[in-house]
Protein backbone atom coordinates (compact mmCIF):
# COMPACT_ATOMS: atom_id res chain seq x y z
CA MET A 1 94.43 122.96 -45.46
CA ARG A 2 91.78 120.91 -47.24
CA LYS A 3 88.34 122.46 -47.62
CA ILE A 4 85.64 119.94 -46.79
CA ALA A 5 81.87 120.36 -46.96
CA ILE A 6 79.50 118.06 -45.07
CA VAL A 7 75.90 118.07 -46.26
CA THR A 8 73.58 116.81 -43.52
CA SER A 9 70.11 115.32 -43.86
CA GLY A 10 68.24 118.61 -43.91
CA TYR A 11 65.78 117.83 -41.14
CA LEU A 12 67.77 117.49 -37.90
CA PRO A 13 70.39 120.10 -37.00
CA VAL A 14 74.11 119.90 -36.37
CA PRO A 15 75.12 120.46 -33.58
CA ALA A 16 72.77 117.62 -32.64
CA THR A 17 70.47 119.58 -30.34
CA LYS A 18 67.44 117.55 -31.46
CA GLY A 19 69.10 114.13 -31.37
CA GLY A 20 69.86 111.88 -34.32
CA ALA A 21 72.56 109.22 -34.65
CA VAL A 22 74.16 110.58 -37.82
CA GLU A 23 73.93 114.13 -36.52
CA ALA A 24 75.75 113.06 -33.34
CA LEU A 25 78.58 111.63 -35.45
CA ASP A 26 78.79 114.88 -37.41
CA GLU A 27 78.98 116.80 -34.16
CA TYR A 28 81.86 114.56 -33.06
CA LEU A 29 83.74 115.51 -36.22
CA VAL A 30 83.05 119.18 -35.57
CA GLN A 31 84.19 118.97 -31.95
CA GLN A 32 87.47 117.33 -32.92
CA ASN A 33 87.99 119.77 -35.75
CA GLU A 34 87.61 122.58 -33.25
CA ALA A 35 90.25 120.94 -31.06
CA LEU A 36 92.71 119.98 -33.81
CA GLY A 37 91.82 122.18 -36.78
CA ALA A 38 93.03 119.73 -39.42
CA LEU A 39 90.27 120.70 -41.87
CA ASP A 40 88.71 123.87 -43.20
CA LEU A 41 85.26 122.46 -42.51
CA THR A 42 81.84 123.72 -43.57
CA VAL A 43 78.67 121.94 -42.43
CA TYR A 44 75.32 122.55 -44.10
CA SER A 45 72.51 122.06 -41.59
CA SER A 46 68.84 122.78 -41.06
CA PHE A 47 68.27 125.67 -38.68
CA GLU A 48 67.61 125.32 -34.98
CA GLU A 49 68.10 128.16 -32.53
CA ASN A 50 70.15 126.31 -29.91
CA ALA A 51 72.31 124.71 -32.59
CA GLU A 52 73.02 128.13 -34.07
CA LYS A 53 74.09 129.45 -30.65
CA MET A 54 76.49 126.54 -30.17
CA ALA A 55 77.92 126.90 -33.68
CA SER A 56 78.57 130.62 -33.16
CA THR A 57 81.48 129.71 -30.87
CA TYR A 58 83.31 127.58 -33.47
CA GLN A 59 86.72 128.72 -34.68
CA HIS A 60 87.67 126.12 -37.31
CA THR A 61 84.23 125.06 -38.50
CA LYS A 62 81.55 127.04 -40.25
CA VAL A 63 77.96 125.87 -40.01
CA GLU A 64 75.69 127.21 -42.74
CA PHE A 65 72.14 127.00 -41.42
CA VAL A 66 69.17 126.84 -43.76
CA LYS A 67 65.96 128.21 -42.29
CA THR A 68 62.71 126.62 -43.41
CA PRO A 69 59.99 129.17 -44.30
CA GLY A 70 56.82 128.93 -42.23
CA LEU A 71 54.70 128.14 -45.30
CA ILE A 72 56.86 125.09 -46.10
CA GLN A 73 56.64 123.91 -42.49
CA ALA A 74 52.84 124.18 -42.63
CA MET A 75 52.67 122.37 -45.97
CA ASP A 76 54.88 119.58 -44.60
CA ARG A 77 52.49 119.09 -41.70
CA VAL A 78 49.62 118.73 -44.18
CA VAL A 79 51.57 116.23 -46.30
CA TYR A 80 52.42 114.21 -43.20
CA PHE A 81 48.81 114.25 -41.99
CA LEU A 82 47.60 112.98 -45.37
CA ALA A 83 50.27 110.26 -45.54
CA LYS A 84 49.58 109.07 -42.02
CA ASN A 85 45.83 109.43 -41.65
CA ILE A 86 44.34 109.42 -45.15
CA LEU A 87 46.71 107.38 -47.29
CA LYS A 88 47.69 105.19 -44.31
CA LYS A 89 51.30 104.95 -45.45
CA LYS A 90 53.20 102.39 -43.37
CA LYS A 91 56.42 104.42 -43.52
CA HIS A 92 54.64 107.74 -43.01
CA LEU A 93 57.60 109.22 -41.11
CA SER A 94 59.45 109.49 -44.43
CA TYR A 95 56.81 112.02 -45.50
CA ARG A 96 57.30 114.31 -42.50
CA TYR A 97 59.94 116.68 -43.91
CA ILE A 98 59.72 116.22 -47.68
CA LEU A 99 59.28 119.88 -48.61
CA GLN A 100 61.74 121.07 -45.98
CA ARG A 101 64.39 118.74 -47.38
CA LEU A 102 63.72 119.81 -50.97
CA HIS A 103 64.07 123.44 -49.88
CA PHE A 104 67.25 122.59 -47.99
CA GLN A 105 68.75 120.73 -50.94
CA GLY A 106 68.00 123.62 -53.27
CA LYS A 107 69.72 126.11 -50.99
CA VAL A 108 72.74 123.86 -50.44
CA GLY A 109 73.08 123.05 -54.13
CA LYS A 110 73.26 126.74 -54.96
CA ALA A 111 75.74 127.34 -52.13
CA LEU A 112 78.03 124.58 -53.42
CA ALA A 113 77.86 126.08 -56.91
CA THR A 114 79.16 129.43 -55.65
CA SER A 115 81.79 127.90 -53.35
CA SER A 116 84.75 125.61 -53.88
CA PHE A 117 85.58 122.51 -51.84
CA ASP A 118 88.16 119.78 -52.14
CA LYS A 119 85.58 117.19 -51.08
CA VAL A 120 81.81 117.23 -50.59
CA VAL A 121 80.59 114.64 -48.07
CA LEU A 122 76.95 113.59 -48.38
CA GLU A 123 75.53 112.18 -45.19
CA ASN A 124 73.82 108.91 -45.98
CA ASN A 125 70.66 109.85 -47.87
CA ALA A 126 70.54 109.25 -51.62
CA THR A 127 68.22 112.24 -52.06
CA LEU A 128 71.20 114.45 -51.25
CA TYR A 129 72.64 113.66 -54.67
CA ARG A 130 70.21 116.31 -55.86
CA VAL A 131 72.68 118.95 -54.63
CA ILE A 132 75.29 117.41 -56.93
CA ALA A 133 72.99 116.81 -59.90
CA LYS A 134 71.83 120.44 -60.01
CA TYR A 135 73.43 123.86 -60.57
CA GLY A 136 76.45 122.52 -62.49
CA ASN A 137 77.82 120.76 -59.41
CA ARG A 138 78.05 117.36 -61.10
CA GLU A 139 80.84 118.54 -63.36
CA LYS A 140 82.33 120.96 -60.84
CA TYR A 141 82.77 118.32 -58.13
CA LYS A 142 83.46 115.32 -60.34
CA GLY A 143 85.87 113.00 -58.52
CA ARG A 144 85.31 114.86 -55.23
CA VAL A 145 81.96 113.51 -53.98
CA VAL A 146 82.04 111.30 -50.87
CA LEU A 147 79.12 109.29 -49.54
CA HIS A 148 79.18 108.63 -45.80
CA LEU A 149 76.99 105.53 -45.91
CA HIS A 150 75.02 104.50 -42.83
CA ASN A 151 71.96 102.74 -44.25
CA LEU A 152 70.81 100.62 -47.17
CA VAL A 153 70.16 102.58 -50.37
CA THR A 154 66.77 101.27 -51.48
CA ASN A 155 65.91 104.06 -53.93
CA ASP A 156 68.18 106.18 -56.11
CA PHE A 157 65.43 108.81 -56.69
CA GLY A 158 66.51 109.13 -60.31
CA TYR A 159 70.13 109.90 -59.44
CA GLY A 160 71.58 106.45 -60.11
CA ASP A 161 74.00 107.69 -62.76
CA VAL A 162 75.23 110.43 -60.38
CA ILE A 163 75.64 107.94 -57.52
CA GLN A 164 77.79 105.72 -59.73
CA GLU A 165 80.22 108.63 -60.14
CA THR A 166 80.84 108.79 -56.37
CA SER A 167 84.57 109.00 -55.78
CA GLN A 168 84.58 107.58 -52.23
CA VAL A 169 82.20 105.59 -50.07
CA LEU A 170 82.85 105.60 -46.33
CA GLY A 171 80.60 102.85 -45.01
CA VAL A 172 80.00 102.18 -41.34
CA SER A 173 80.49 98.44 -41.89
CA LYS A 174 81.70 95.97 -44.50
CA TYR A 175 78.13 94.77 -44.72
CA ILE A 176 76.68 98.12 -45.82
CA ASN A 177 79.49 98.68 -48.32
CA GLN A 178 78.73 95.35 -49.92
CA THR A 179 75.06 96.24 -50.38
CA LEU A 180 76.00 99.38 -52.34
CA LYS A 181 78.54 97.47 -54.46
CA GLU A 182 75.83 95.04 -55.44
CA ARG A 183 73.33 97.79 -56.31
CA PHE A 184 75.83 99.95 -58.20
CA PRO A 185 78.45 97.62 -59.71
CA ALA A 186 80.04 100.48 -61.66
CA LEU A 187 81.45 101.85 -58.41
CA LYS A 188 85.13 100.97 -58.15
CA GLU A 189 86.25 98.51 -55.49
CA GLU A 190 89.02 100.85 -54.34
CA SER A 191 86.52 103.64 -53.65
CA PHE A 192 85.12 101.75 -50.64
CA SER A 193 86.46 102.13 -47.10
CA VAL A 194 85.06 101.37 -43.66
CA LEU A 195 84.77 104.29 -41.25
CA ARG A 196 83.61 102.64 -38.06
CA ASN A 197 81.05 104.36 -35.90
CA VAL A 198 82.07 105.47 -32.42
CA VAL A 199 80.50 107.17 -29.43
CA ASP A 200 81.67 109.85 -27.04
CA ARG A 201 83.75 108.02 -24.44
CA ASN A 202 83.22 110.89 -22.02
CA ILE A 203 79.56 109.82 -21.95
CA PHE A 204 79.68 106.10 -22.71
CA ASN A 205 82.42 104.60 -20.54
CA GLY A 206 80.67 102.50 -17.90
CA GLU A 207 81.97 104.65 -15.06
CA ILE A 208 79.26 105.03 -12.45
CA THR A 209 79.41 104.90 -8.66
CA SER A 210 77.16 102.61 -6.65
CA ASP A 211 75.33 105.65 -5.27
CA GLU A 212 74.77 107.05 -8.77
CA ARG A 213 73.58 103.65 -9.97
CA HIS A 214 71.14 103.34 -7.08
CA GLU A 215 69.82 106.88 -7.60
CA LEU A 216 69.34 106.43 -11.33
CA ARG A 217 67.57 103.10 -10.98
CA ALA A 218 65.27 104.56 -8.31
CA LYS A 219 64.46 107.45 -10.68
CA TYR A 220 63.00 104.97 -13.16
CA GLY A 221 61.18 102.89 -10.59
CA ILE A 222 63.67 100.03 -10.30
CA ALA A 223 63.41 98.77 -6.73
CA GLU A 224 66.25 97.34 -4.66
CA GLY A 225 66.75 93.71 -5.67
CA GLU A 226 65.14 94.12 -9.08
CA GLN A 227 67.08 93.71 -12.30
CA MET A 228 67.02 96.46 -14.90
CA ILE A 229 66.88 95.21 -18.50
CA LEU A 230 67.39 97.95 -21.05
CA PHE A 231 66.35 98.72 -24.61
CA ALA A 232 67.30 102.01 -26.31
CA GLY A 233 66.38 103.18 -29.79
CA ARG A 234 63.63 104.53 -32.01
CA MET A 235 60.09 103.24 -31.58
CA ASP A 236 60.25 101.56 -34.97
CA GLU A 237 59.24 98.05 -36.04
CA GLU A 238 62.69 97.32 -37.44
CA LYS A 239 64.25 97.69 -33.99
CA GLY A 240 62.46 94.54 -32.72
CA ILE A 241 60.72 96.05 -29.69
CA ARG A 242 57.55 94.03 -30.23
CA GLU A 243 59.64 90.87 -30.30
CA LEU A 244 61.48 91.99 -27.17
CA LEU A 245 58.21 92.46 -25.31
CA GLN A 246 57.03 89.04 -26.46
CA ALA A 247 60.29 87.47 -25.27
CA PHE A 248 60.08 89.31 -21.95
CA LYS A 249 56.62 87.87 -21.41
CA ILE A 250 57.82 84.35 -22.24
CA ALA A 251 60.89 84.61 -20.01
CA LYS A 252 58.85 85.61 -16.96
CA ILE A 253 61.88 86.93 -15.11
CA GLN A 254 60.50 87.47 -11.62
CA GLN A 255 62.46 90.36 -10.17
CA ALA A 256 63.08 92.50 -13.24
CA LYS A 257 61.80 95.52 -15.11
CA LEU A 258 62.24 96.32 -18.77
CA LEU A 259 63.18 99.94 -19.44
CA ILE A 260 62.39 101.04 -23.01
CA ILE A 261 64.13 104.28 -23.93
CA GLY A 262 63.33 106.28 -27.03
CA GLY A 263 60.60 107.88 -29.08
CA TYR A 264 59.24 107.61 -32.58
CA PHE A 265 61.25 110.56 -33.85
CA PHE A 266 64.01 111.55 -31.43
CA ASP A 267 63.15 114.63 -29.32
CA SER A 268 59.65 115.24 -30.66
CA ASP A 269 56.09 114.67 -29.50
CA MET A 270 55.28 112.45 -32.49
CA LEU A 271 53.57 109.18 -31.53
CA SER A 272 53.20 106.34 -34.02
CA GLU A 273 50.58 103.62 -34.22
CA TYR A 274 53.40 101.18 -33.52
CA GLU A 275 54.22 102.86 -30.21
CA VAL A 276 50.55 102.73 -29.25
CA GLU A 277 50.57 99.02 -30.12
CA LEU A 278 53.66 98.46 -27.96
CA ARG A 279 52.07 100.13 -24.97
CA GLU A 280 48.96 97.98 -25.40
CA LEU A 281 51.12 94.85 -25.70
CA ALA A 282 52.88 95.76 -22.45
CA SER A 283 49.72 96.76 -20.59
CA ASP A 284 49.20 93.38 -18.93
CA LEU A 285 52.74 93.54 -17.52
CA GLY A 286 51.89 96.57 -15.42
CA ASP A 287 54.88 98.41 -14.03
CA LYS A 288 57.31 95.70 -15.21
CA VAL A 289 57.69 97.67 -18.48
CA ILE A 290 58.64 101.33 -18.33
CA PHE A 291 58.51 103.59 -21.41
CA THR A 292 60.73 106.59 -20.71
CA GLY A 293 60.37 108.43 -24.01
CA PHE A 294 63.33 110.43 -25.32
CA ILE A 295 66.30 110.80 -22.95
CA PRO A 296 69.00 113.40 -23.71
CA HIS A 297 72.10 111.89 -25.26
CA LYS A 298 74.41 113.06 -22.47
CA GLU A 299 72.39 111.08 -19.90
CA LEU A 300 72.33 107.76 -21.75
CA GLY A 301 75.78 106.52 -20.73
CA ASP A 302 74.82 106.29 -17.09
CA VAL A 303 71.59 104.50 -17.97
CA TYR A 304 73.49 101.79 -19.88
CA ALA A 305 75.99 101.52 -17.02
CA ALA A 306 73.19 101.18 -14.45
CA ALA A 307 71.43 98.38 -16.35
CA ASP A 308 72.07 94.72 -15.61
CA PHE A 309 72.11 94.04 -19.34
CA THR A 310 70.89 95.48 -22.64
CA VAL A 311 68.75 93.80 -25.30
CA LEU A 312 68.78 95.23 -28.85
CA PRO A 313 67.00 92.66 -31.04
CA SER A 314 67.13 94.43 -34.40
CA ILE A 315 65.09 92.58 -37.03
CA TRP A 316 66.26 94.46 -40.13
CA GLU A 317 69.75 94.43 -41.61
CA ASP A 318 71.09 97.10 -39.28
CA PRO A 319 74.41 98.37 -40.68
CA ALA A 320 76.02 99.56 -37.42
CA PRO A 321 73.52 100.84 -34.85
CA LEU A 322 74.95 103.37 -32.43
CA THR A 323 72.89 101.87 -29.63
CA VAL A 324 74.95 98.67 -29.91
CA ILE A 325 78.16 100.68 -29.74
CA GLU A 326 76.83 102.78 -26.84
CA ALA A 327 75.90 99.66 -24.87
CA LEU A 328 79.24 97.94 -25.49
CA SER A 329 81.27 101.09 -24.74
CA SER A 330 79.35 101.44 -21.47
CA GLY A 331 80.34 97.88 -20.58
CA SER A 332 76.78 96.63 -20.68
CA PRO A 333 76.34 92.89 -21.32
CA LEU A 334 74.49 92.70 -24.63
CA ILE A 335 71.95 90.43 -26.26
CA THR A 336 71.44 91.31 -29.91
CA THR A 337 70.81 89.74 -33.33
CA ASP A 338 72.87 88.74 -36.35
CA SER A 339 71.49 91.61 -38.42
CA GLY A 340 73.60 93.54 -40.91
CA GLY A 341 76.89 94.81 -39.56
CA ILE A 342 76.18 94.16 -35.87
CA PRO A 343 78.44 91.05 -35.69
CA GLU A 344 81.33 93.24 -36.95
CA TYR A 345 81.05 95.29 -33.76
CA ALA A 346 79.85 92.86 -31.09
CA PRO A 347 82.59 90.81 -29.33
CA GLU A 348 81.97 87.09 -29.19
CA ASN A 349 82.26 86.72 -25.41
CA GLY A 350 80.82 90.10 -24.45
CA SER A 351 77.58 89.67 -26.33
CA ILE A 352 75.01 87.03 -27.17
CA ILE A 353 74.02 87.09 -30.84
CA ILE A 354 70.67 85.54 -31.74
CA GLU A 355 70.21 84.12 -35.24
CA ARG A 356 66.92 85.34 -36.71
CA LYS A 357 65.62 82.03 -37.93
CA GLY A 358 62.90 79.70 -36.77
CA ASP A 359 61.22 80.66 -33.52
CA TRP A 360 64.03 83.03 -32.57
CA VAL A 361 61.84 85.01 -30.13
CA VAL A 362 61.73 81.93 -27.90
CA GLN A 363 65.51 81.70 -28.08
CA LEU A 364 65.70 85.40 -27.19
CA ALA A 365 63.53 84.72 -24.13
CA GLU A 366 65.72 81.80 -23.11
CA GLU A 367 68.91 83.85 -23.39
CA MET A 368 67.37 86.70 -21.39
CA GLN A 369 66.33 84.24 -18.71
CA LYS A 370 69.78 82.62 -18.53
CA LEU A 371 71.66 85.91 -18.44
CA SER A 372 69.36 87.26 -15.74
CA GLU A 373 70.29 84.26 -13.57
CA ASP A 374 74.06 84.42 -14.15
CA ALA A 375 75.61 87.38 -12.33
CA GLU A 376 79.14 86.07 -12.85
CA LYS A 377 78.68 85.89 -16.62
CA ARG A 378 77.34 89.44 -16.68
CA LYS A 379 80.39 90.61 -14.75
CA ILE A 380 82.76 88.92 -17.21
CA MET A 381 80.85 90.29 -20.22
CA ARG A 382 81.01 93.78 -18.75
CA GLU A 383 84.82 93.65 -18.46
CA ILE A 384 85.21 92.17 -21.95
CA ASN A 385 83.12 94.92 -23.49
CA LYS A 386 85.01 97.70 -21.74
CA GLU A 387 88.31 96.30 -23.01
CA TRP A 388 86.96 95.61 -26.51
CA THR A 389 85.81 99.20 -27.02
CA LYS A 390 88.81 101.08 -25.62
CA ALA A 391 89.89 102.30 -29.06
CA TRP A 392 86.38 103.31 -30.11
CA ASP A 393 86.77 106.98 -29.37
CA VAL A 394 85.97 110.25 -31.09
CA PRO A 395 89.60 111.35 -31.70
CA GLU A 396 90.27 108.09 -33.58
CA PHE A 397 87.08 108.57 -35.61
CA TYR A 398 88.20 112.07 -36.60
CA ARG A 399 91.73 110.93 -37.46
CA ASN A 400 90.36 108.18 -39.70
CA PHE A 401 87.95 110.60 -41.35
CA VAL A 402 90.74 113.08 -42.11
CA GLN A 403 93.07 110.36 -43.36
CA LEU A 404 90.45 108.84 -45.65
CA LEU A 405 89.73 112.24 -47.21
CA SER A 406 93.41 113.04 -47.82
């Protein structure tokens, strides 16, 4: 049986008790490994009490938790405060767990040096190459390092030569693989594969009774006869929420409310300036815009299913957002953009893809207006999306992962 190590981000735990898209995918792999036991799997994760309790029941998977000392946690809070409030860094969230992640990487690097694995899978972040570059691991694991690539690599953090020795890249879309090929041309063409993202079909399947739909909509203040338009994702500029609010204002859909699900940083109480701006932008719309904050992952499927349609107007080159896959798997009619790898996932007749050129916010408003007025089209889109996503399940994701690592 092949021994595989997965090195997670170092700030959110696996099992994904604190949220996180990549962490959810890792938990899917763990769940399937527990059911099928095809791998001798070790996951390196930051510590969280509930995650540790869940992991204690695993039979085929070992989760090595790294606890962050209190002093490092306190220092990280100071660094984040300085970045956000003194230095006014635009991407201040990236400063939130710097010291924790360095501590995590040091511990994991040493653990890899004293262990032996057939493959070491690094989850997404280029800073994780530090665990390979240190402690003799570069030579020890040469030809056995796998990058599970979810996002654009914009900085190699001084590990460019180590990255170019990566034996396999499992990208979530053809688009994201191509970006890495262009940045690191020394990587061999045959080292790239696509491992498509999936969601838990037990949660995201579009199955909801009329009573459940009515109850859920009432919970969020959607009255009888009103349409429920949904956005789900982080409160981040790149997700296009500002543009969505602008389009919603332009569209002036009479009997509708816009439900915005998500927070700045998953299940935390962190509030960004951007989220404050969004709430101010929506203030003149009164109760037509509802900010729910973070909603537990297991509840999201019903929310998608209860919505009349979903709008995810990503404005950056989004490689393969799980929210798009969640919406489609739940059968929700979708309006989205042509960013990154989204067109690789979105079916032509089950989604409306907006090109981000010219005054595309006006086009977004027009498409929202038209879809809100066309119940028959929404019904057709819902059926197309359910059929399109039938094979997007966790067992298939695990099988592909195992096969690609063989």
